[in-house]
Amino acid sequence: MIVIENAHVVTVTGDEYPGGHIVIEGDRITAVGPGPAPVTGGERIDARGCLATPGLVNSHHHLYQWASQGLAADNTLFEWLVASYRVWGRMDAEVVAGAASAGLGWLAKSGCTTSTDHHYIFPKGRGDLFAAEIEAARELGVRFQPCRGSMDRGVSDGGLPPDEVVEDIDTIMAETEAAIDRYHDASSGSMLRISVAPCSPFSVTKDLLVRSAELARAKGVRLHTHLAETLDEEQHTLEQFGMTPTEYMDSIGWLGPDVWLAHCVHLHDTDIKRLAETKTGTAHCPSSNARLGAGIARVSALLEAGATVGLGVDGAASAEMVPLAGEIRQAMYFQRAKHGPTALTARQALEMATMGGARCLGRQDEIGSLEAGKLADIALWRVDGFHAAIDDPVVAFGYGGTPPLARLLVGGRTIVRDDTLVSVPQDEVGRRGAAAHRRLMSLAEEVL
């Protein structure tokens, strides 16, 4: 048993307990409430001066991109992709292993207990890339929901990526089904689940989208893709299909409670209404959208309509070194910059980063809030010291620089202690990420 005491506990369900407690038995929370814990014994964690929140949930990422940070630094999304595709096409399992280790370690240091990943490039003869990132997550001890991504529409078929980095549809379907059968664990408390994720409307065929949805629903797993990230994308779908990106996906059965979409920056009022009606989730990635000049997603309007919105850091090559906790502040400030100071509160942004992400991943019954019966995925943030000048601990957490992370627990197991990764030596994880970058740059030297 572990007992956390004297923390300012934010359940994210509407209750807050200054000086509250959390009791953990095994991998589950058994009690949350005000004052001292009504139990004796066990490991006691004095969280005086700390804010206790649910572990953060990263709802969109590309871990392999840790190895290609800094490329095409001043380009739009389409320009950046064209400059990056051939570099990514040279990666191997060793690159992915190092990049995933560093990327997931960095996420953990910013309070993330559960992360998805969208891996959609699989060069032939370069080892088992999907297995490499899964092993990295297992070693670090974070909850993981990788997406077996795909692209089958290269330049010769009217798509954006070069033909050399796409796969044929039969290979994609076979490999995706094999990944689900091998890795997906639907059991309660699972550390590993798989989702299906064709890359984007401008890099996949309609046939792949339809068959992917059929496979995912037959297997009982979730669907994910990029959507409406830029005006270039909208122009592309209007020219190719005569519809906006959201209308196109709706027309082929790709909206629903088992789907979450990355970015959704350029949505029309009718799109927002439809996403809310179908209970389709959105992964908001404010820093990446800003870095690429894509725009600011209409998060306030989505929330007002009742739609599900989570937060994601996106790939490290389009949001270099961005911590997930920092996206809480970015999301809040961007909405306020555009729509005024009441557009998004610190508590709403925190809910997006926790319960919003849990809903996107279909795990809201197990993670995303601090409640008895839920998994013990918990972050303790130090809001004493410099942050003590702010009376409201949630405001202290959400505004300005993110407070130090005192403890991060995944299923009751400590992953980060005193702002340092402890499940795997932090310095070793950093070295792996740097080595992955050097290796990829060497492998891709001829195309740089």
Protein backbone atom coordinates (compact mmCIF):
# COMPACT_ATOMS: atom_id res chain seq x y z
CA MET A 1 0.00 0.00 0.00
CA ILE A 2 1.12 3.56 -0.80
CA VAL A 3 -0.44 6.56 0.92
CA ILE A 4 0.00 10.07 -0.50
CA GLU A 5 -0.85 12.72 2.10
CA ASN A 6 -0.99 16.51 2.47
CA ALA A 7 -1.30 17.18 -1.27
CA HIS A 8 -3.64 19.57 -3.02
CA VAL A 9 -5.55 16.86 -4.87
CA VAL A 10 -7.29 17.72 -8.14
CA THR A 11 -9.49 14.81 -9.19
CA VAL A 12 -10.45 16.46 -12.54
CA THR A 13 -14.04 15.31 -11.91
CA GLY A 14 -14.88 18.58 -10.14
CA ASP A 15 -13.53 17.85 -6.64
CA GLU A 16 -10.39 19.36 -5.12
CA TYR A 17 -8.97 18.53 -1.70
CA PRO A 18 -6.40 20.92 -0.19
CA GLY A 19 -4.34 18.84 2.20
CA GLY A 20 -5.94 15.72 0.77
CA HIS A 21 -4.92 12.08 0.46
CA ILE A 22 -4.72 9.27 -2.11
CA VAL A 23 -4.48 5.61 -1.14
CA ILE A 24 -3.01 3.07 -3.59
CA GLU A 25 -3.18 -0.71 -3.35
CA GLY A 26 -1.48 -2.67 -6.10
CA ASP A 27 -1.95 -0.73 -9.35
CA ARG A 28 -5.23 0.94 -8.30
CA ILE A 29 -6.42 3.93 -6.34
CA THR A 30 -8.61 2.77 -3.45
CA ALA A 31 -9.40 6.09 -1.76
CA VAL A 32 -9.24 9.82 -2.50
CA GLY A 33 -10.44 12.54 -0.17
CA PRO A 34 -9.79 15.45 2.19
CA GLY A 35 -7.54 15.42 5.24
CA PRO A 36 -5.40 12.54 6.52
CA ALA A 37 -5.82 9.09 4.99
CA PRO A 38 -8.13 6.80 7.02
CA VAL A 39 -5.58 3.97 6.94
CA THR A 40 -2.37 3.09 8.73
CA GLY A 41 0.80 1.43 7.49
CA GLY A 42 2.16 1.23 3.98
CA GLU A 43 4.65 3.54 2.30
CA ARG A 44 3.80 7.13 3.23
CA ILE A 45 4.55 9.95 0.80
CA ASP A 46 4.36 13.38 2.40
CA ALA A 47 3.24 15.55 -0.52
CA ARG A 48 3.10 18.78 1.43
CA GLY A 49 3.65 21.63 -1.04
CA CYS A 50 2.59 19.47 -3.98
CA LEU A 51 -0.28 19.48 -6.45
CA ALA A 52 -1.56 15.97 -7.20
CA THR A 53 -3.07 15.48 -10.65
CA PRO A 54 -3.87 12.47 -12.78
CA GLY A 55 -0.95 11.41 -14.94
CA LEU A 56 -1.04 13.30 -18.23
CA VAL A 57 -2.15 11.51 -21.40
CA ASN A 58 -0.37 12.28 -24.67
CA SER A 59 -2.90 11.81 -27.45
CA HIS A 60 -0.67 12.34 -30.53
CA HIS A 61 3.02 11.79 -31.19
CA HIS A 62 5.66 10.56 -33.67
CA LEU A 63 8.46 9.15 -31.55
CA TYR A 64 10.81 8.38 -34.44
CA GLN A 65 11.05 12.11 -35.14
CA TRP A 66 13.25 12.61 -32.08
CA ALA A 67 16.05 11.58 -34.44
CA SER A 68 15.30 14.32 -37.00
CA GLN A 69 14.82 17.43 -34.88
CA GLY A 70 15.72 20.79 -36.36
CA LEU A 71 15.16 19.97 -40.04
CA ALA A 72 13.25 22.40 -42.29
CA ALA A 73 13.07 24.85 -39.40
CA ASP A 74 11.17 27.60 -41.23
CA ASN A 75 8.84 25.65 -43.52
CA THR A 76 5.13 24.99 -43.78
CA LEU A 77 3.77 21.51 -43.07
CA PHE A 78 3.82 20.35 -46.70
CA GLU A 79 7.30 21.84 -47.29
CA TRP A 80 8.56 20.28 -44.05
CA LEU A 81 7.12 16.88 -44.97
CA VAL A 82 8.66 16.93 -48.45
CA ALA A 83 12.02 17.81 -46.91
CA SER A 84 11.71 15.05 -44.29
CA TYR A 85 10.14 12.02 -46.00
CA ARG A 86 13.35 10.73 -47.60
CA VAL A 87 15.31 11.22 -44.38
CA TRP A 88 12.72 9.22 -42.44
CA GLY A 89 12.80 6.58 -45.17
CA ARG A 90 16.37 5.75 -44.09
CA MET A 91 15.53 4.95 -40.46
CA ASP A 92 15.98 1.48 -39.02
CA ALA A 93 14.94 -0.31 -35.82
CA GLU A 94 18.03 0.96 -33.99
CA VAL A 95 17.09 4.56 -34.77
CA VAL A 96 13.50 4.00 -33.65
CA ALA A 97 14.57 2.30 -30.42
CA GLY A 98 16.79 5.21 -29.39
CA ALA A 99 14.33 7.87 -30.49
CA ALA A 100 11.42 6.18 -28.70
CA SER A 101 13.42 5.76 -25.51
CA ALA A 102 14.37 9.44 -25.43
CA GLY A 103 10.94 10.64 -26.53
CA LEU A 104 9.06 8.60 -23.94
CA GLY A 105 11.57 9.50 -21.24
CA TRP A 106 11.11 13.19 -22.01
CA LEU A 107 7.34 12.76 -21.86
CA ALA A 108 7.57 11.03 -18.48
CA LYS A 109 9.66 13.90 -17.14
CA SER A 110 6.80 16.22 -18.09
CA GLY A 111 4.18 14.21 -16.21
CA CYS A 112 3.02 11.82 -18.94
CA THR A 113 1.96 8.36 -17.77
CA THR A 114 0.19 7.24 -20.97
CA SER A 115 1.18 8.00 -24.54
CA THR A 116 0.09 7.02 -27.99
CA ASP A 117 2.40 7.06 -31.00
CA HIS A 118 1.63 7.31 -34.71
CA HIS A 119 4.29 5.44 -36.70
CA TYR A 120 3.51 5.37 -40.41
CA ILE A 121 6.81 4.82 -42.29
CA PHE A 122 8.18 1.27 -42.50
CA PRO A 123 11.26 1.04 -44.78
CA LYS A 124 11.83 -2.49 -46.06
CA GLY A 125 14.69 -4.50 -44.62
CA ARG A 126 15.31 -2.15 -41.68
CA GLY A 127 14.20 -4.41 -38.83
CA ASP A 128 11.02 -4.44 -36.75
CA LEU A 129 10.39 -0.75 -36.14
CA PHE A 130 7.07 -1.25 -34.36
CA ALA A 131 8.57 -3.76 -31.92
CA ALA A 132 11.44 -1.35 -31.20
CA GLU A 133 9.20 1.38 -29.85
CA ILE A 134 7.06 -1.07 -27.91
CA GLU A 135 10.15 -2.42 -26.16
CA ALA A 136 11.26 1.13 -25.31
CA ALA A 137 7.91 1.85 -23.62
CA ARG A 138 8.03 -1.45 -21.73
CA GLU A 139 11.51 -0.70 -20.41
CA LEU A 140 10.58 2.80 -19.22
CA GLY A 141 7.33 1.60 -17.65
CA VAL A 142 4.89 3.99 -19.32
CA ARG A 143 1.45 3.00 -20.51
CA PHE A 144 1.54 2.82 -24.31
CA GLN A 145 -0.97 2.84 -27.17
CA PRO A 146 0.98 2.90 -30.44
CA CYS A 147 -0.82 3.18 -33.77
CA ARG A 148 0.21 1.01 -36.70
CA GLY A 149 0.23 3.78 -39.26
CA SER A 150 0.48 3.56 -43.03
CA MET A 151 0.77 5.38 -46.35
CA ASP A 152 -0.14 3.84 -49.72
CA ARG A 153 -0.58 6.95 -51.88
CA GLY A 154 2.67 8.30 -53.22
CA VAL A 155 3.38 11.11 -55.65
CA SER A 156 2.59 8.95 -58.69
CA ASP A 157 -0.95 8.46 -57.34
CA GLY A 158 -1.55 12.12 -56.49
CA GLY A 159 -0.31 11.92 -52.92
CA LEU A 160 2.36 14.00 -51.18
CA PRO A 161 5.00 11.42 -50.09
CA PRO A 162 7.57 10.00 -52.51
CA ASP A 163 6.70 6.54 -53.78
CA GLU A 164 9.72 5.03 -52.03
CA VAL A 165 8.24 5.56 -48.53
CA VAL A 166 4.74 4.14 -49.12
CA GLU A 167 3.61 0.51 -48.82
CA ASP A 168 1.16 -1.49 -50.87
CA ILE A 169 -2.28 -1.92 -49.34
CA ASP A 170 -2.13 -5.70 -48.94
CA THR A 171 1.11 -5.46 -46.98
CA ILE A 172 -0.34 -2.71 -44.81
CA MET A 173 -3.46 -4.67 -43.96
CA ALA A 174 -1.54 -7.86 -43.21
CA GLU A 175 1.04 -6.11 -41.03
CA THR A 176 -1.60 -4.09 -39.20
CA GLU A 177 -3.65 -7.16 -38.38
CA ALA A 178 -0.51 -8.98 -37.26
CA ALA A 179 0.42 -6.10 -34.94
CA ILE A 180 -3.02 -6.16 -33.32
CA ASP A 181 -2.94 -9.94 -32.89
CA ARG A 182 0.56 -9.90 -31.43
CA TYR A 183 0.45 -6.91 -29.11
CA HIS A 184 -3.05 -5.63 -28.32
CA ASP A 185 -4.00 -6.27 -24.69
CA ALA A 186 -7.61 -5.31 -24.03
CA SER A 187 -7.53 -6.45 -20.40
CA SER A 188 -8.21 -4.11 -17.49
CA GLY A 189 -5.05 -2.27 -16.48
CA SER A 190 -3.34 -3.03 -19.78
CA MET A 191 0.04 -1.42 -20.40
CA LEU A 192 -0.17 -1.92 -24.17
CA ARG A 193 -2.96 -1.41 -26.66
CA ILE A 194 -2.82 -0.97 -30.42
CA SER A 195 -4.72 1.40 -32.71
CA VAL A 196 -5.01 1.61 -36.50
CA ALA A 197 -3.89 4.82 -38.15
CA PRO A 198 -3.62 5.51 -41.90
CA CYS A 199 -1.58 8.69 -42.05
CA SER A 200 -3.67 11.41 -43.69
CA PRO A 201 -6.10 12.09 -46.55
CA PHE A 202 -3.23 13.31 -48.75
CA SER A 203 -1.07 10.20 -48.27
CA VAL A 204 -3.55 7.29 -48.27
CA THR A 205 -6.19 5.98 -50.65
CA LYS A 206 -9.89 5.81 -49.92
CA ASP A 207 -9.62 2.02 -50.12
CA LEU A 208 -7.02 1.98 -47.34
CA LEU A 209 -9.17 4.20 -45.13
CA VAL A 210 -12.23 2.02 -45.62
CA ARG A 211 -10.41 -1.27 -45.11
CA SER A 212 -8.58 0.07 -42.06
CA ALA A 213 -11.86 1.08 -40.44
CA GLU A 214 -13.34 -2.34 -41.18
CA LEU A 215 -10.32 -4.08 -39.65
CA ALA A 216 -10.21 -1.88 -36.55
CA ARG A 217 -13.90 -2.36 -35.84
CA ALA A 218 -13.72 -6.09 -36.42
CA LYS A 219 -10.82 -6.28 -33.93
CA GLY A 220 -12.32 -3.84 -31.41
CA VAL A 221 -9.47 -1.31 -31.58
CA ARG A 222 -9.50 2.43 -32.16
CA LEU A 223 -8.89 4.52 -35.28
CA HIS A 224 -6.64 7.55 -35.64
CA THR A 225 -5.40 9.87 -38.40
CA HIS A 226 -4.31 13.44 -39.11
CA LEU A 227 -7.04 15.80 -40.25
CA ALA A 228 -7.56 19.44 -41.23
CA GLU A 229 -4.08 20.47 -40.12
CA THR A 230 -3.48 23.10 -42.80
CA LEU A 231 -5.29 25.08 -45.48
CA ASP A 232 -3.11 23.23 -48.02
CA GLU A 233 -4.77 20.01 -46.90
CA GLU A 234 -8.25 21.48 -47.27
CA GLN A 235 -7.41 22.70 -50.77
CA HIS A 236 -6.08 19.22 -51.61
CA THR A 237 -9.25 17.42 -50.49
CA LEU A 238 -11.50 19.96 -52.18
CA GLU A 239 -9.65 19.42 -55.46
CA GLN A 240 -9.41 15.64 -55.13
CA PHE A 241 -12.77 14.79 -53.55
CA GLY A 242 -14.93 17.91 -53.74
CA MET A 243 -15.28 17.97 -49.95
CA THR A 244 -13.57 19.43 -46.88
CA PRO A 245 -11.37 16.99 -44.94
CA THR A 246 -14.05 16.44 -42.27
CA GLU A 247 -16.80 15.93 -44.84
CA TYR A 248 -14.62 13.44 -46.70
CA MET A 249 -13.90 11.37 -43.60
CA ASP A 250 -17.56 11.47 -42.59
CA SER A 251 -18.59 10.23 -46.05
CA ILE A 252 -16.53 7.04 -45.64
CA GLY A 253 -17.56 6.21 -42.07
CA TRP A 254 -14.50 7.61 -40.35
CA LEU A 255 -16.23 9.63 -37.63
CA GLY A 256 -17.46 8.05 -34.41
CA PRO A 257 -16.76 7.35 -30.74
CA ASP A 258 -13.94 4.94 -31.66
CA VAL A 259 -12.05 7.61 -33.67
CA TRP A 260 -9.77 10.45 -32.65
CA LEU A 261 -8.19 12.90 -35.07
CA ALA A 262 -4.94 14.84 -34.78
CA HIS A 263 -4.81 18.65 -35.11
CA CYS A 264 -8.21 19.69 -36.58
CA VAL A 265 -6.94 23.25 -36.94
CA HIS A 266 -9.13 24.33 -39.85
CA LEU A 267 -12.69 23.34 -38.99
CA HIS A 268 -15.91 24.91 -40.20
CA ASP A 269 -18.89 25.33 -37.86
CA THR A 270 -20.56 22.33 -39.49
CA ASP A 271 -17.42 20.25 -38.89
CA ILE A 272 -17.39 21.10 -35.20
CA LYS A 273 -21.05 20.21 -34.87
CA ARG A 274 -20.48 16.91 -36.63
CA LEU A 275 -17.46 15.95 -34.49
CA ALA A 276 -19.50 16.62 -31.37
CA GLU A 277 -22.54 14.70 -32.67
CA THR A 278 -20.47 11.64 -33.55
CA LYS A 279 -18.37 11.81 -30.34
CA THR A 280 -15.19 11.91 -32.42
CA GLY A 281 -12.12 12.99 -30.43
CA THR A 282 -9.52 15.62 -31.33
CA ALA A 283 -5.85 15.66 -30.31
CA HIS A 284 -4.83 19.32 -30.01
CA CYS A 285 -1.11 20.00 -30.62
CA PRO A 286 -0.66 23.76 -30.13
CA SER A 287 3.14 24.03 -30.25
CA SER A 288 3.51 21.96 -33.42
CA ASN A 289 0.73 23.91 -35.14
CA ALA A 290 2.51 27.13 -34.17
CA ARG A 291 5.98 25.92 -35.19
CA LEU A 292 4.72 25.03 -38.68
CA GLY A 293 2.54 28.14 -38.96
CA ALA A 294 -0.57 25.99 -39.40
CA GLY A 295 -2.84 28.09 -37.20
CA ILE A 296 -4.75 27.78 -33.94
CA ALA A 297 -7.34 25.03 -33.56
CA ARG A 298 -10.84 26.07 -32.47
CA VAL A 299 -10.57 24.28 -29.15
CA SER A 300 -12.94 26.56 -27.25
CA ALA A 301 -15.64 26.03 -29.87
CA LEU A 302 -15.09 22.25 -29.81
CA LEU A 303 -15.43 22.13 -26.04
CA GLU A 304 -18.48 24.38 -26.08
CA ALA A 305 -20.10 22.03 -28.59
CA GLY A 306 -19.43 19.08 -26.27
CA ALA A 307 -16.68 17.46 -28.33
CA THR A 308 -13.81 15.48 -26.80
CA VAL A 309 -10.43 17.24 -26.94
CA GLY A 310 -7.11 15.87 -25.69
CA LEU A 311 -3.58 17.29 -25.86
CA GLY A 312 -0.60 16.00 -27.78
CA VAL A 313 2.98 17.15 -28.29
CA ASP A 314 3.15 15.82 -31.89
CA GLY A 315 6.48 14.69 -33.28
CA ALA A 316 9.70 16.09 -31.86
CA ALA A 317 10.74 17.25 -35.33
CA SER A 318 7.80 19.67 -35.55
CA ALA A 319 7.76 20.59 -31.85
CA GLU A 320 11.35 20.26 -30.69
CA MET A 321 11.75 19.29 -27.01
CA VAL A 322 8.16 20.25 -26.19
CA PRO A 323 7.02 18.84 -22.81
CA LEU A 324 3.45 17.63 -22.49
CA ALA A 325 2.83 19.68 -19.35
CA GLY A 326 3.88 22.77 -21.30
CA GLU A 327 1.11 22.15 -23.84
CA ILE A 328 -1.40 22.87 -21.09
CA ARG A 329 -0.11 26.43 -20.96
CA GLN A 330 0.23 26.70 -24.74
CA ALA A 331 -3.33 25.54 -25.32
CA MET A 332 -4.69 27.95 -22.76
CA TYR A 333 -2.70 30.95 -23.95
CA PHE A 334 -3.38 30.41 -27.65
CA GLN A 335 -7.13 30.27 -27.12
CA ARG A 336 -6.98 33.41 -24.99
CA ALA A 337 -4.81 35.25 -27.51
CA LYS A 338 -7.47 34.67 -30.14
CA HIS A 339 -10.73 34.63 -28.18
CA GLY A 340 -10.11 36.51 -24.92
CA PRO A 341 -9.05 35.64 -21.33
CA THR A 342 -12.08 33.46 -20.57
CA ALA A 343 -11.67 31.24 -23.66
CA LEU A 344 -9.90 28.45 -21.75
CA THR A 345 -9.12 28.15 -18.04
CA ALA A 346 -6.23 26.36 -16.38
CA ARG A 347 -8.59 23.69 -15.08
CA GLN A 348 -10.12 23.12 -18.51
CA ALA A 349 -6.66 22.79 -20.05
CA LEU A 350 -5.63 20.33 -17.32
CA GLU A 351 -8.76 18.29 -18.00
CA MET A 352 -7.86 18.18 -21.71
CA ALA A 353 -4.41 16.83 -20.81
CA THR A 354 -5.85 14.11 -18.58
CA MET A 355 -9.47 13.04 -19.04
CA GLY A 356 -9.64 14.48 -22.56
CA GLY A 357 -6.70 12.35 -23.65
CA ALA A 358 -8.10 9.31 -21.85
CA ARG A 359 -11.36 9.66 -23.78
CA CYS A 360 -9.46 9.98 -27.07
CA LEU A 361 -7.72 6.69 -26.35
CA GLY A 362 -10.90 5.02 -25.10
CA ARG A 363 -9.53 4.55 -21.58
CA GLN A 364 -11.65 7.03 -19.61
CA ASP A 365 -12.91 4.26 -17.31
CA GLU A 366 -9.35 3.51 -16.13
CA ILE A 367 -7.22 6.65 -16.37
CA GLY A 368 -7.58 10.43 -16.66
CA SER A 369 -8.93 11.25 -13.18
CA LEU A 370 -8.14 10.53 -9.53
CA GLU A 371 -10.94 8.28 -8.35
CA ALA A 372 -11.22 5.07 -6.36
CA GLY A 373 -11.04 2.11 -8.70
CA LYS A 374 -8.95 3.84 -11.33
CA LEU A 375 -5.34 3.02 -12.16
CA ALA A 376 -2.77 4.70 -9.94
CA ASP A 377 -1.30 6.93 -12.65
CA ILE A 378 -0.49 10.03 -10.62
CA ALA A 379 1.71 13.13 -10.93
CA LEU A 380 2.91 15.16 -7.95
CA TRP A 381 4.08 18.68 -8.84
CA ARG A 382 6.02 20.94 -6.47
CA VAL A 383 4.10 24.20 -6.15
CA ASP A 384 6.04 25.46 -3.15
CA GLY A 385 9.23 27.47 -3.57
CA PHE A 386 8.90 30.07 -6.35
CA HIS A 387 5.43 28.83 -7.27
CA ALA A 388 4.14 29.46 -3.72
CA ALA A 389 3.67 33.13 -4.62
CA ILE A 390 0.48 32.01 -6.40
CA ASP A 391 -2.30 30.98 -4.01
CA ASP A 392 -4.19 28.74 -6.45
CA PRO A 393 -2.05 25.62 -7.07
CA VAL A 394 -3.76 24.87 -10.40
CA VAL A 395 -3.00 28.37 -11.65
CA ALA A 396 0.56 27.97 -10.35
CA PHE A 397 0.81 24.77 -12.39
CA GLY A 398 -0.85 26.02 -15.57
CA TYR A 399 0.59 29.51 -15.89
CA GLY A 400 4.23 30.31 -16.51
CA GLY A 401 6.94 27.66 -16.20
CA THR A 402 5.86 24.13 -15.31
CA PRO A 403 6.66 23.28 -11.65
CA PRO A 404 9.19 20.54 -10.84
CA LEU A 405 7.83 16.99 -10.90
CA ALA A 406 8.27 15.50 -7.43
CA ARG A 407 6.93 12.05 -8.28
CA LEU A 408 5.32 10.25 -11.22
CA LEU A 409 3.61 6.92 -10.67
CA VAL A 410 2.33 4.54 -13.33
CA GLY A 411 0.13 1.84 -11.83
CA GLY A 412 1.65 2.70 -8.44
CA ARG A 413 5.23 2.27 -9.68
CA THR A 414 7.53 5.30 -9.45
CA ILE A 415 8.88 6.33 -12.86
CA VAL A 416 10.14 9.82 -12.00
CA ARG A 417 11.39 11.01 -8.61
CA ASP A 418 12.58 14.55 -7.79
CA ASP A 419 12.39 15.59 -11.46
CA THR A 420 14.65 12.71 -12.54
CA LEU A 421 13.72 9.65 -14.56
CA VAL A 422 14.43 6.57 -12.41
CA SER A 423 12.88 3.61 -14.23
CA VAL A 424 15.82 3.78 -16.67
CA PRO A 425 18.92 5.93 -15.98
CA GLN A 426 18.07 9.39 -17.30
CA ASP A 427 21.50 10.11 -18.76
CA GLU A 428 21.43 6.81 -20.64
CA VAL A 429 18.06 7.68 -22.19
CA GLY A 430 19.40 11.05 -23.30
CA ARG A 431 22.43 9.42 -24.89
CA ARG A 432 20.19 6.98 -26.78
CA GLY A 433 18.25 9.85 -28.31
CA ALA A 434 21.43 11.65 -29.40
CA ALA A 435 22.83 8.43 -30.87
CA ALA A 436 19.59 7.84 -32.80
CA HIS A 437 19.88 11.32 -34.31
CA ARG A 438 23.50 10.79 -35.34
CA ARG A 439 22.70 7.39 -36.82
CA LEU A 440 19.76 8.67 -38.86
CA MET A 441 21.74 11.63 -40.16
CA SER A 442 24.49 9.24 -41.24
CA LEU A 443 22.04 6.85 -42.91
CA ALA A 444 20.35 9.75 -44.68
CA GLU A 445 23.50 11.63 -45.66
CA GLU A 446 22.91 11.15 -49.39
CA VAL A 447 19.46 12.80 -49.28
CA LEU A 448 20.24 15.68 -46.93
